[in-house]
PDB file of all heavy atoms in Angstrom:
ATOM      1  N   ILE A   1      21.568   0.489  11.396  1.00  0.00           N
ATOM      2  CA  ILE A   1      20.890   0.859  12.644  1.00  0.00           C
ATOM      3  C   ILE A   1      21.329  -0.060  13.772  1.00  0.00           C
ATOM      4  O   ILE A   1      21.676   0.381  14.875  1.00  0.00           O
ATOM      5  CB  ILE A   1      19.362   0.806  12.466  1.00  0.00           C
ATOM      6  CG1 ILE A   1      18.897   1.918  11.531  1.00  0.00           C
ATOM      7  CG2 ILE A   1      18.659   0.929  13.816  1.00  0.00           C
ATOM      8  CD1 ILE A   1      17.405   1.951  11.321  1.00  0.00           C
ATOM      9  N   VAL A   2      21.311  -1.364  13.515  1.00  0.00           N
ATOM     10  CA  VAL A   2      21.733  -2.317  14.544  1.00  0.00           C
ATOM     11  C   VAL A   2      23.201  -2.106  14.890  1.00  0.00           C
ATOM     12  O   VAL A   2      23.587  -2.152  16.064  1.00  0.00           O
ATOM     13  CB  VAL A   2      21.479  -3.762  14.063  1.00  0.00           C
ATOM     14  CG1 VAL A   2      22.094  -4.771  15.024  1.00  0.00           C
ATOM     15  CG2 VAL A   2      19.979  -4.016  13.934  1.00  0.00           C
ATOM     16  N   ALA A   3      24.033  -1.855  13.894  1.00  0.00           N
ATOM     17  CA  ALA A   3      25.461  -1.654  14.148  1.00  0.00           C
ATOM     18  C   ALA A   3      25.717  -0.449  15.042  1.00  0.00           C
ATOM     19  O   ALA A   3      26.560  -0.498  15.940  1.00  0.00           O
ATOM     20  CB  ALA A   3      26.207  -1.493  12.820  1.00  0.00           C
ATOM     21  N   THR A   4      24.982   0.633  14.831  1.00  0.00           N
ATOM     22  CA  THR A   4      25.231   1.845  15.617  1.00  0.00           C
ATOM     23  C   THR A   4      24.606   1.773  17.006  1.00  0.00           C
ATOM     24  O   THR A   4      25.084   2.421  17.943  1.00  0.00           O
ATOM     25  CB  THR A   4      24.724   3.089  14.865  1.00  0.00           C
ATOM     26  OG1 THR A   4      25.314   4.261  15.437  1.00  0.00           O
ATOM     27  CG2 THR A   4      23.215   3.225  14.939  1.00  0.00           C
ATOM     28  N   LEU A   5      23.544   0.973  17.175  1.00  0.00           N
ATOM     29  CA  LEU A   5      22.883   0.891  18.474  1.00  0.00           C
ATOM     30  C   LEU A   5      23.427  -0.226  19.360  1.00  0.00           C
ATOM     31  O   LEU A   5      23.217  -0.202  20.579  1.00  0.00           O
ATOM     32  CB  LEU A   5      21.373   0.703  18.288  1.00  0.00           C
ATOM     33  CG  LEU A   5      20.608   1.887  17.687  1.00  0.00           C
ATOM     34  CD1 LEU A   5      19.112   1.579  17.644  1.00  0.00           C
ATOM     35  CD2 LEU A   5      20.851   3.154  18.496  1.00  0.00           C
ATOM     36  N   LEU A   6      24.124  -1.200  18.777  1.00  0.00           N
ATOM     37  CA  LEU A   6      24.650  -2.312  19.577  1.00  0.00           C
ATOM     38  C   LEU A   6      25.510  -1.835  20.746  1.00  0.00           C
ATOM     39  O   LEU A   6      25.286  -2.244  21.895  1.00  0.00           O
ATOM     40  CB  LEU A   6      25.437  -3.275  18.684  1.00  0.00           C
ATOM     41  CG  LEU A   6      24.708  -4.520  18.202  1.00  0.00           C
ATOM     42  CD1 LEU A   6      25.572  -5.323  17.249  1.00  0.00           C
ATOM     43  CD2 LEU A   6      24.309  -5.392  19.383  1.00  0.00           C
ATOM     44  N   PRO A   7      26.534  -0.987  20.518  1.00  0.00           N
ATOM     45  CA  PRO A   7      27.344  -0.557  21.665  1.00  0.00           C
ATOM     46  C   PRO A   7      26.561   0.262  22.680  1.00  0.00           C
ATOM     47  O   PRO A   7      26.831   0.192  23.873  1.00  0.00           O
ATOM     48  CB  PRO A   7      28.460   0.277  21.018  1.00  0.00           C
ATOM     49  CG  PRO A   7      27.951   0.654  19.672  1.00  0.00           C
ATOM     50  CD  PRO A   7      27.056  -0.458  19.254  1.00  0.00           C
ATOM     51  N   VAL A   8      25.582   1.039  22.213  1.00  0.00           N
ATOM     52  CA  VAL A   8      24.772   1.836  23.136  1.00  0.00           C
ATOM     53  C   VAL A   8      23.960   0.921  24.054  1.00  0.00           C
ATOM     54  O   VAL A   8      23.902   1.123  25.278  1.00  0.00           O
ATOM     55  CB  VAL A   8      23.831   2.770  22.354  1.00  0.00           C
ATOM     56  CG1 VAL A   8      22.989   3.611  23.305  1.00  0.00           C
ATOM     57  CG2 VAL A   8      24.631   3.679  21.424  1.00  0.00           C
ATOM     58  N   ILE A   9      23.342  -0.088  23.466  1.00  0.00           N
ATOM     59  CA  ILE A   9      22.499  -0.993  24.253  1.00  0.00           C
ATOM     60  C   ILE A   9      23.344  -1.864  25.164  1.00  0.00           C
ATOM     61  O   ILE A   9      22.977  -2.126  26.321  1.00  0.00           O
ATOM     62  CB  ILE A   9      21.620  -1.835  23.313  1.00  0.00           C
ATOM     63  CG1 ILE A   9      20.623  -0.925  22.590  1.00  0.00           C
ATOM     64  CG2 ILE A   9      20.887  -2.922  24.076  1.00  0.00           C
ATOM     65  CD1 ILE A   9      19.791  -1.618  21.547  1.00  0.00           C
ATOM     66  N   GLU A  10      24.502  -2.318  24.693  1.00  0.00           N
ATOM     67  CA  GLU A  10      25.376  -3.103  25.568  1.00  0.00           C
ATOM     68  C   GLU A  10      25.855  -2.266  26.747  1.00  0.00           C
ATOM     69  O   GLU A  10      25.949  -2.755  27.879  1.00  0.00           O
ATOM     70  CB  GLU A  10      26.565  -3.647  24.778  1.00  0.00           C
ATOM     71  CG  GLU A  10      26.210  -4.820  23.892  1.00  0.00           C
ATOM     72  CD  GLU A  10      27.315  -5.844  23.849  1.00  0.00           C
ATOM     73  OE1 GLU A  10      28.498  -5.464  23.842  1.00  0.00           O
ATOM     74  OE2 GLU A  10      26.994  -7.046  23.841  1.00  0.00           O
ATOM     75  N   GLY A  11      26.177  -0.996  26.500  1.00  0.00           N
ATOM     76  CA  GLY A  11      26.566  -0.120  27.605  1.00  0.00           C
ATOM     77  C   GLY A  11      25.437   0.053  28.610  1.00  0.00           C
ATOM     78  O   GLY A  11      25.672   0.055  29.829  1.00  0.00           O
ATOM     79  N   TRP A  12      24.213   0.199  28.110  1.00  0.00           N
ATOM     80  CA  TRP A  12      23.053   0.296  28.998  1.00  0.00           C
ATOM     81  C   TRP A  12      22.900  -0.974  29.824  1.00  0.00           C
ATOM     82  O   TRP A  12      22.632  -0.917  31.034  1.00  0.00           O
ATOM     83  CB  TRP A  12      21.800   0.560  28.171  1.00  0.00           C
ATOM     84  CG  TRP A  12      20.538   0.615  28.972  1.00  0.00           C
ATOM     85  CD1 TRP A  12      20.004   1.697  29.601  1.00  0.00           C
ATOM     86  CD2 TRP A  12      19.631  -0.478  29.238  1.00  0.00           C
ATOM     87  NE1 TRP A  12      18.832   1.349  30.249  1.00  0.00           N
ATOM     88  CE2 TRP A  12      18.588   0.033  30.039  1.00  0.00           C
ATOM     89  CE3 TRP A  12      19.624  -1.819  28.876  1.00  0.00           C
ATOM     90  CZ2 TRP A  12      17.541  -0.773  30.476  1.00  0.00           C
ATOM     91  CZ3 TRP A  12      18.576  -2.619  29.318  1.00  0.00           C
ATOM     92  CH2 TRP A  12      17.553  -2.099  30.101  1.00  0.00           C
ATOM     93  N   CYS A  13      23.087  -2.135  29.199  1.00  0.00           N
ATOM     94  CA  CYS A  13      22.984  -3.415  29.915  1.00  0.00           C
ATOM     95  C   CYS A  13      24.018  -3.493  31.040  1.00  0.00           C
ATOM     96  O   CYS A  13      23.719  -3.942  32.155  1.00  0.00           O
ATOM     97  CB  CYS A  13      23.172  -4.581  28.950  1.00  0.00           C
ATOM     98  SG  CYS A  13      21.801  -4.837  27.799  1.00  0.00           S
ATOM     99  N   HIS A  14      25.240  -3.056  30.755  1.00  0.00           N
ATOM    100  CA  HIS A  14      26.295  -3.114  31.767  1.00  0.00           C
ATOM    101  C   HIS A  14      25.961  -2.208  32.945  1.00  0.00           C
ATOM    102  O   HIS A  14      26.156  -2.582  34.104  1.00  0.00           O
ATOM    103  CB  HIS A  14      27.630  -2.704  31.147  1.00  0.00           C
ATOM    104  CG  HIS A  14      28.077  -3.622  30.051  1.00  0.00           C
ATOM    105  ND1 HIS A  14      29.056  -3.279  29.145  1.00  0.00           N
ATOM    106  CD2 HIS A  14      27.671  -4.868  29.704  1.00  0.00           C
ATOM    107  CE1 HIS A  14      29.226  -4.276  28.293  1.00  0.00           C
ATOM    108  NE2 HIS A  14      28.395  -5.241  28.612  1.00  0.00           N
ATOM    109  N   ARG A  15      25.456  -1.023  32.661  1.00  0.00           N
ATOM    110  CA  ARG A  15      25.145  -0.086  33.743  1.00  0.00           C
ATOM    111  C   ARG A  15      23.969  -0.576  34.579  1.00  0.00           C
ATOM    112  O   ARG A  15      23.936  -0.364  35.795  1.00  0.00           O
ATOM    113  CB  ARG A  15      24.833   1.302  33.171  1.00  0.00           C
ATOM    114  CG  ARG A  15      26.012   1.994  32.527  1.00  0.00           C
ATOM    115  CD  ARG A  15      25.709   3.458  32.239  1.00  0.00           C
ATOM    116  NE  ARG A  15      24.549   3.649  31.385  1.00  0.00           N
ATOM    117  CZ  ARG A  15      24.585   3.663  30.057  1.00  0.00           C
ATOM    118  NH1 ARG A  15      25.738   3.470  29.430  1.00  0.00           N
ATOM    119  NH2 ARG A  15      23.489   3.857  29.345  1.00  0.00           N
ATOM    120  N   ARG A  16      23.012  -1.204  33.927  1.00  0.00           N
ATOM    121  CA  ARG A  16      21.800  -1.633  34.623  1.00  0.00           C
ATOM    122  C   ARG A  16      21.890  -3.043  35.178  1.00  0.00           C
ATOM    123  O   ARG A  16      20.986  -3.493  35.892  1.00  0.00           O
ATOM    124  CB  ARG A  16      20.595  -1.544  33.673  1.00  0.00           C
ATOM    125  CG  ARG A  16      20.159  -0.118  33.371  1.00  0.00           C
ATOM    126  CD  ARG A  16      19.504   0.486  34.578  1.00  0.00           C
ATOM    127  NE  ARG A  16      19.166   1.892  34.362  1.00  0.00           N
ATOM    128  CZ  ARG A  16      18.662   2.672  35.303  1.00  0.00           C
ATOM    129  NH1 ARG A  16      18.441   2.178  36.505  1.00  0.00           N
ATOM    130  NH2 ARG A  16      18.387   3.937  35.058  1.00  0.00           N
ATOM    131  N   GLY A  17      22.969  -3.769  34.847  1.00  0.00           N
ATOM    132  CA  GLY A  17      23.071  -5.149  35.289  1.00  0.00           C
ATOM    133  C   GLY A  17      22.051  -6.054  34.633  1.00  0.00           C
ATOM    134  O   GLY A  17      21.545  -7.004  35.247  1.00  0.00           O
ATOM    135  N   VAL A  18      21.733  -5.763  33.376  1.00  0.00           N
ATOM    136  CA  VAL A  18      20.737  -6.529  32.622  1.00  0.00           C
ATOM    137  C   VAL A  18      21.461  -7.429  31.629  1.00  0.00           C
ATOM    138  O   VAL A  18      22.455  -7.029  31.018  1.00  0.00           O
ATOM    139  CB  VAL A  18      19.777  -5.588  31.876  1.00  0.00           C
ATOM    140  CG1 VAL A  18      18.849  -6.366  30.957  1.00  0.00           C
ATOM    141  CG2 VAL A  18      18.971  -4.762  32.866  1.00  0.00           C
ATOM    142  N   SER A  19      20.980  -8.636  31.467  1.00  0.00           N
ATOM    143  CA  SER A  19      21.566  -9.536  30.480  1.00  0.00           C
ATOM    144  C   SER A  19      21.289  -9.020  29.070  1.00  0.00           C
ATOM    145  O   SER A  19      20.139  -8.727  28.728  1.00  0.00           O
ATOM    146  CB  SER A  19      20.985 -10.937  30.626  1.00  0.00           C
ATOM    147  OG  SER A  19      21.388 -11.757  29.550  1.00  0.00           O
ATOM    148  N   PRO A  20      22.333  -8.888  28.218  1.00  0.00           N
ATOM    149  CA  PRO A  20      22.093  -8.458  26.832  1.00  0.00           C
ATOM    150  C   PRO A  20      21.127  -9.375  26.086  1.00  0.00           C
ATOM    151  O   PRO A  20      20.461  -8.943  25.151  1.00  0.00           O
ATOM    152  CB  PRO A  20      23.493  -8.497  26.209  1.00  0.00           C
ATOM    153  CG  PRO A  20      24.429  -8.338  27.358  1.00  0.00           C
ATOM    154  CD  PRO A  20      23.771  -9.038  28.518  1.00  0.00           C
ATOM    155  N   SER A  21      21.036 -10.636  26.524  1.00  0.00           N
ATOM    156  CA  SER A  21      20.133 -11.572  25.851  1.00  0.00           C
ATOM    157  C   SER A  21      18.669 -11.190  26.024  1.00  0.00           C
ATOM    158  O   SER A  21      17.805 -11.680  25.291  1.00  0.00           O
ATOM    159  CB  SER A  21      20.355 -12.997  26.377  1.00  0.00           C
ATOM    160  OG  SER A  21      20.106 -13.059  27.775  1.00  0.00           O
ATOM    161  N   LYS A  22      18.384 -10.281  26.979  1.00  0.00           N
ATOM    162  CA  LYS A  22      17.005  -9.862  27.217  1.00  0.00           C
ATOM    163  C   LYS A  22      16.552  -8.741  26.280  1.00  0.00           C
ATOM    164  O   LYS A  22      15.352  -8.441  26.220  1.00  0.00           O
ATOM    165  CB  LYS A  22      16.851  -9.395  28.675  1.00  0.00           C
ATOM    166  CG  LYS A  22      16.797 -10.524  29.693  1.00  0.00           C
ATOM    167  CD  LYS A  22      15.531 -11.336  29.527  1.00  0.00           C
ATOM    168  CE  LYS A  22      15.361 -12.362  30.618  1.00  0.00           C
ATOM    169  NZ  LYS A  22      14.112 -13.172  30.424  1.00  0.00           N
ATOM    170  N   VAL A  23      17.483  -8.117  25.571  1.00  0.00           N
ATOM    171  CA  VAL A  23      17.096  -6.962  24.750  1.00  0.00           C
ATOM    172  C   VAL A  23      17.640  -6.980  23.319  1.00  0.00           C
ATOM    173  O   VAL A  23      17.116  -6.266  22.455  1.00  0.00           O
ATOM    174  CB  VAL A  23      17.527  -5.637  25.428  1.00  0.00           C
ATOM    175  CG1 VAL A  23      16.723  -5.396  26.691  1.00  0.00           C
ATOM    176  CG2 VAL A  23      19.014  -5.627  25.723  1.00  0.00           C
ATOM    177  N   LEU A  24      18.700  -7.762  23.045  1.00  0.00           N
ATOM    178  CA  LEU A  24      19.318  -7.665  21.724  1.00  0.00           C
ATOM    179  C   LEU A  24      18.493  -8.343  20.632  1.00  0.00           C
ATOM    180  O   LEU A  24      18.420  -7.846  19.506  1.00  0.00           O
ATOM    181  CB  LEU A  24      20.734  -8.258  21.758  1.00  0.00           C
ATOM    182  CG  LEU A  24      21.768  -7.415  22.509  1.00  0.00           C
ATOM    183  CD1 LEU A  24      23.163  -8.025  22.364  1.00  0.00           C
ATOM    184  CD2 LEU A  24      21.774  -5.974  22.019  1.00  0.00           C
ATOM    185  N   LEU A  25      17.882  -9.465  20.930  1.00  0.00           N
ATOM    186  CA  LEU A  25      17.028 -10.103  19.919  1.00  0.00           C
ATOM    187  C   LEU A  25      15.812  -9.234  19.591  1.00  0.00           C
ATOM    188  O   LEU A  25      15.444  -9.104  18.415  1.00  0.00           O
ATOM    189  CB  LEU A  25      16.610 -11.495  20.381  1.00  0.00           C
ATOM    190  CG  LEU A  25      16.154 -12.480  19.290  1.00  0.00           C
ATOM    191  CD1 LEU A  25      17.162 -12.546  18.161  1.00  0.00           C
ATOM    192  CD2 LEU A  25      15.940 -13.862  19.895  1.00  0.00           C
ATOM    193  N   PRO A  26      15.164  -8.610  20.575  1.00  0.00           N
ATOM    194  CA  PRO A  26      14.104  -7.649  20.224  1.00  0.00           C
ATOM    195  C   PRO A  26      14.600  -6.490  19.360  1.00  0.00           C
ATOM    196  O   PRO A  26      13.834  -5.967  18.547  1.00  0.00           O
ATOM    197  CB  PRO A  26      13.630  -7.155  21.599  1.00  0.00           C
ATOM    198  CG  PRO A  26      13.894  -8.296  22.519  1.00  0.00           C
ATOM    199  CD  PRO A  26      15.176  -8.912  22.019  1.00  0.00           C
ATOM    200  N   LEU A  27      15.863  -6.074  19.529  1.00  0.00           N
ATOM    201  CA  LEU A  27      16.412  -5.033  18.658  1.00  0.00           C
ATOM    202  C   LEU A  27      16.389  -5.493  17.209  1.00  0.00           C
ATOM    203  O   LEU A  27      15.935  -4.761  16.312  1.00  0.00           O
ATOM    204  CB  LEU A  27      17.836  -4.688  19.082  1.00  0.00           C
ATOM    205  CG  LEU A  27      18.626  -3.786  18.107  1.00  0.00           C
ATOM    206  CD1 LEU A  27      17.979  -2.406  18.002  1.00  0.00           C
ATOM    207  CD2 LEU A  27      20.084  -3.669  18.544  1.00  0.00           C
ATOM    208  N   SER A  28      16.856  -6.694  16.948  1.00  0.00           N
ATOM    209  CA  SER A  28      16.851  -7.217  15.585  1.00  0.00           C
ATOM    210  C   SER A  28      15.423  -7.372  15.063  1.00  0.00           C
ATOM    211  O   SER A  28      15.109  -6.961  13.945  1.00  0.00           O
ATOM    212  CB  SER A  28      17.581  -8.571  15.540  1.00  0.00           C
ATOM    213  OG  SER A  28      17.495  -9.138  14.245  1.00  0.00           O
ATOM    214  N   PHE A  29      14.545  -7.943  15.876  1.00  0.00           N
ATOM    215  CA  PHE A  29      13.171  -8.169  15.441  1.00  0.00           C
ATOM    216  C   PHE A  29      12.466  -6.847  15.151  1.00  0.00           C
ATOM    217  O   PHE A  29      11.668  -6.750  14.210  1.00  0.00           O
ATOM    218  CB  PHE A  29      12.406  -8.947  16.512  1.00  0.00           C
ATOM    219  CG  PHE A  29      12.667 -10.431  16.501  1.00  0.00           C
ATOM    220  CD1 PHE A  29      13.827 -10.938  15.939  1.00  0.00           C
ATOM    221  CD2 PHE A  29      11.768 -11.322  17.053  1.00  0.00           C
ATOM    222  CE1 PHE A  29      14.079 -12.312  15.924  1.00  0.00           C
ATOM    223  CE2 PHE A  29      12.001 -12.688  17.035  1.00  0.00           C
ATOM    224  CZ  PHE A  29      13.159 -13.183  16.481  1.00  0.00           C
ATOM    225  N   ALA A  30      12.738  -5.812  15.969  1.00  0.00           N
ATOM    226  CA  ALA A  30      12.089  -4.520  15.759  1.00  0.00           C
ATOM    227  C   ALA A  30      12.497  -3.924  14.417  1.00  0.00           C
ATOM    228  O   ALA A  30      11.653  -3.379  13.680  1.00  0.00           O
ATOM    229  CB  ALA A  30      12.439  -3.558  16.892  1.00  0.00           C
ATOM    230  N   THR A  31      13.775  -4.020  14.072  1.00  0.00           N
ATOM    231  CA  THR A  31      14.211  -3.465  12.786  1.00  0.00           C
ATOM    232  C   THR A  31      13.667  -4.288  11.625  1.00  0.00           C
ATOM    233  O   THR A  31      13.356  -3.734  10.565  1.00  0.00           O
ATOM    234  CB  THR A  31      15.746  -3.418  12.703  1.00  0.00           C
ATOM    235  OG1 THR A  31      16.282  -4.738  12.831  1.00  0.00           O
ATOM    236  CG2 THR A  31      16.326  -2.537  13.796  1.00  0.00           C
ATOM    237  N   VAL A  32      13.538  -5.590  11.812  1.00  0.00           N
ATOM    238  CA  VAL A  32      12.970  -6.434  10.749  1.00  0.00           C
ATOM    239  C   VAL A  32      11.499  -6.099  10.539  1.00  0.00           C
ATOM    240  O   VAL A  32      11.025  -5.960   9.400  1.00  0.00           O
ATOM    241  CB  VAL A  32      13.155  -7.926  11.105  1.00  0.00           C
ATOM    242  CG1 VAL A  32      12.380  -8.806  10.119  1.00  0.00           C
ATOM    243  CG2 VAL A  32      14.635  -8.302  11.082  1.00  0.00           C
ATOM    244  N   LEU A  33      10.756  -5.958  11.627  1.00  0.00           N
ATOM    245  CA  LEU A  33       9.328  -5.628  11.518  1.00  0.00           C
ATOM    246  C   LEU A  33       9.128  -4.254  10.899  1.00  0.00           C
ATOM    247  O   LEU A  33       8.234  -4.054  10.075  1.00  0.00           O
ATOM    248  CB  LEU A  33       8.686  -5.681  12.908  1.00  0.00           C
ATOM    249  CG  LEU A  33       8.478  -7.065  13.510  1.00  0.00           C
ATOM    250  CD1 LEU A  33       8.159  -6.955  14.987  1.00  0.00           C
ATOM    251  CD2 LEU A  33       7.371  -7.817  12.783  1.00  0.00           C
ATOM    252  N   GLY A  34       9.954  -3.290  11.280  1.00  0.00           N
ATOM    253  CA  GLY A  34       9.820  -1.954  10.724  1.00  0.00           C
ATOM    254  C   GLY A  34      10.261  -1.847   9.287  1.00  0.00           C
ATOM    255  O   GLY A  34       9.880  -0.919   8.569  1.00  0.00           O
ATOM    256  N   GLY A  35      11.070  -2.823   8.844  1.00  0.00           N
ATOM    257  CA  GLY A  35      11.617  -2.760   7.487  1.00  0.00           C
ATOM    258  C   GLY A  35      10.595  -2.863   6.384  1.00  0.00           C
ATOM    259  O   GLY A  35      10.881  -2.514   5.233  1.00  0.00           O
ATOM    260  N   THR A  36       9.380  -3.328   6.710  1.00  0.00           N
ATOM    261  CA  THR A  36       8.350  -3.466   5.666  1.00  0.00           C
ATOM    262  C   THR A  36       7.370  -2.292   5.672  1.00  0.00           C
ATOM    263  O   THR A  36       6.354  -2.340   4.971  1.00  0.00           O
ATOM    264  CB  THR A  36       7.574  -4.782   5.845  1.00  0.00           C
ATOM    265  OG1 THR A  36       7.131  -4.890   7.196  1.00  0.00           O
ATOM    266  CG2 THR A  36       8.450  -5.974   5.512  1.00  0.00           C
ATOM    267  N   ILE A  37       7.674  -1.250   6.434  1.00  0.00           N
ATOM    268  CA  ILE A  37       6.790  -0.079   6.436  1.00  0.00           C
ATOM    269  C   ILE A  37       6.882   0.666   5.112  1.00  0.00           C
ATOM    270  O   ILE A  37       5.897   1.215   4.621  1.00  0.00           O
ATOM    271  CB  ILE A  37       7.131   0.841   7.628  1.00  0.00           C
ATOM    272  CG1 ILE A  37       6.741   0.145   8.937  1.00  0.00           C
ATOM    273  CG2 ILE A  37       6.422   2.187   7.500  1.00  0.00           C
ATOM    274  CD1 ILE A  37       7.090   0.931  10.179  1.00  0.00           C
ATOM    275  N   SER A  38       8.076   0.696   4.530  1.00  0.00           N
ATOM    276  CA  SER A  38       8.240   1.362   3.234  1.00  0.00           C
ATOM    277  C   SER A  38       9.166   0.552   2.345  1.00  0.00           C
ATOM    278  O   SER A  38       9.802  -0.411   2.791  1.00  0.00           O
ATOM    279  CB  SER A  38       8.788   2.784   3.417  1.00  0.00           C
ATOM    280  OG  SER A  38      10.196   2.771   3.497  1.00  0.00           O
ATOM    281  N   LEU A  39       9.283   0.968   1.104  1.00  0.00           N
ATOM    282  CA  LEU A  39      10.130   0.265   0.145  1.00  0.00           C
ATOM    283  C   LEU A  39      11.608   0.358   0.512  1.00  0.00           C
ATOM    284  O   LEU A  39      12.398  -0.506   0.146  1.00  0.00           O
ATOM    285  CB  LEU A  39       9.905   0.851  -1.255  1.00  0.00           C
ATOM    286  CG  LEU A  39      10.538   0.120  -2.441  1.00  0.00           C
ATOM    287  CD1 LEU A  39       9.938  -1.270  -2.595  1.00  0.00           C
ATOM    288  CD2 LEU A  39      10.344   0.924  -3.720  1.00  0.00           C
ATOM    289  N   LEU A  40      11.998   1.406   1.261  1.00  0.00           N
ATOM    290  CA  LEU A  40      13.399   1.636   1.583  1.00  0.00           C
ATOM    291  C   LEU A  40      13.887   0.831   2.776  1.00  0.00           C
ATOM    292  O   LEU A  40      15.070   0.851   3.089  1.00  0.00           O
ATOM    293  CB  LEU A  40      13.630   3.129   1.871  1.00  0.00           C
ATOM    294  CG  LEU A  40      13.357   4.102   0.726  1.00  0.00           C
ATOM    295  CD1 LEU A  40      13.610   5.527   1.193  1.00  0.00           C
ATOM    296  CD2 LEU A  40      14.227   3.763  -0.477  1.00  0.00           C
ATOM    297  N   GLY A  41      12.990   0.133   3.470  1.00  0.00           N
ATOM    298  CA  GLY A  41      13.364  -0.505   4.723  1.00  0.00           C
ATOM    299  C   GLY A  41      14.396  -1.604   4.599  1.00  0.00           C
ATOM    300  O   GLY A  41      15.257  -1.734   5.465  1.00  0.00           O
ATOM    301  N   THR A  42      14.321  -2.413   3.555  1.00  0.00           N
ATOM    302  CA  THR A  42      15.266  -3.519   3.397  1.00  0.00           C
ATOM    303  C   THR A  42      15.643  -3.662   1.926  1.00  0.00           C
ATOM    304  O   THR A  42      14.913  -3.241   1.022  1.00  0.00           O
ATOM    305  CB  THR A  42      14.657  -4.859   3.865  1.00  0.00           C
ATOM    306  OG1 THR A  42      13.621  -5.247   2.965  1.00  0.00           O
ATOM    307  CG2 THR A  42      14.087  -4.754   5.269  1.00  0.00           C
TER     308      THR A  42
END
């Protein structure tokens, strides 16, 4: 999930003039938090 969304989010950052450091760590944390919803998450 992170691998496929990284280029999408970086492209969004470039278009919006937003620092990738403001959104990429939340991307990782969101997938980690969601990973315990079911047995298949991690």
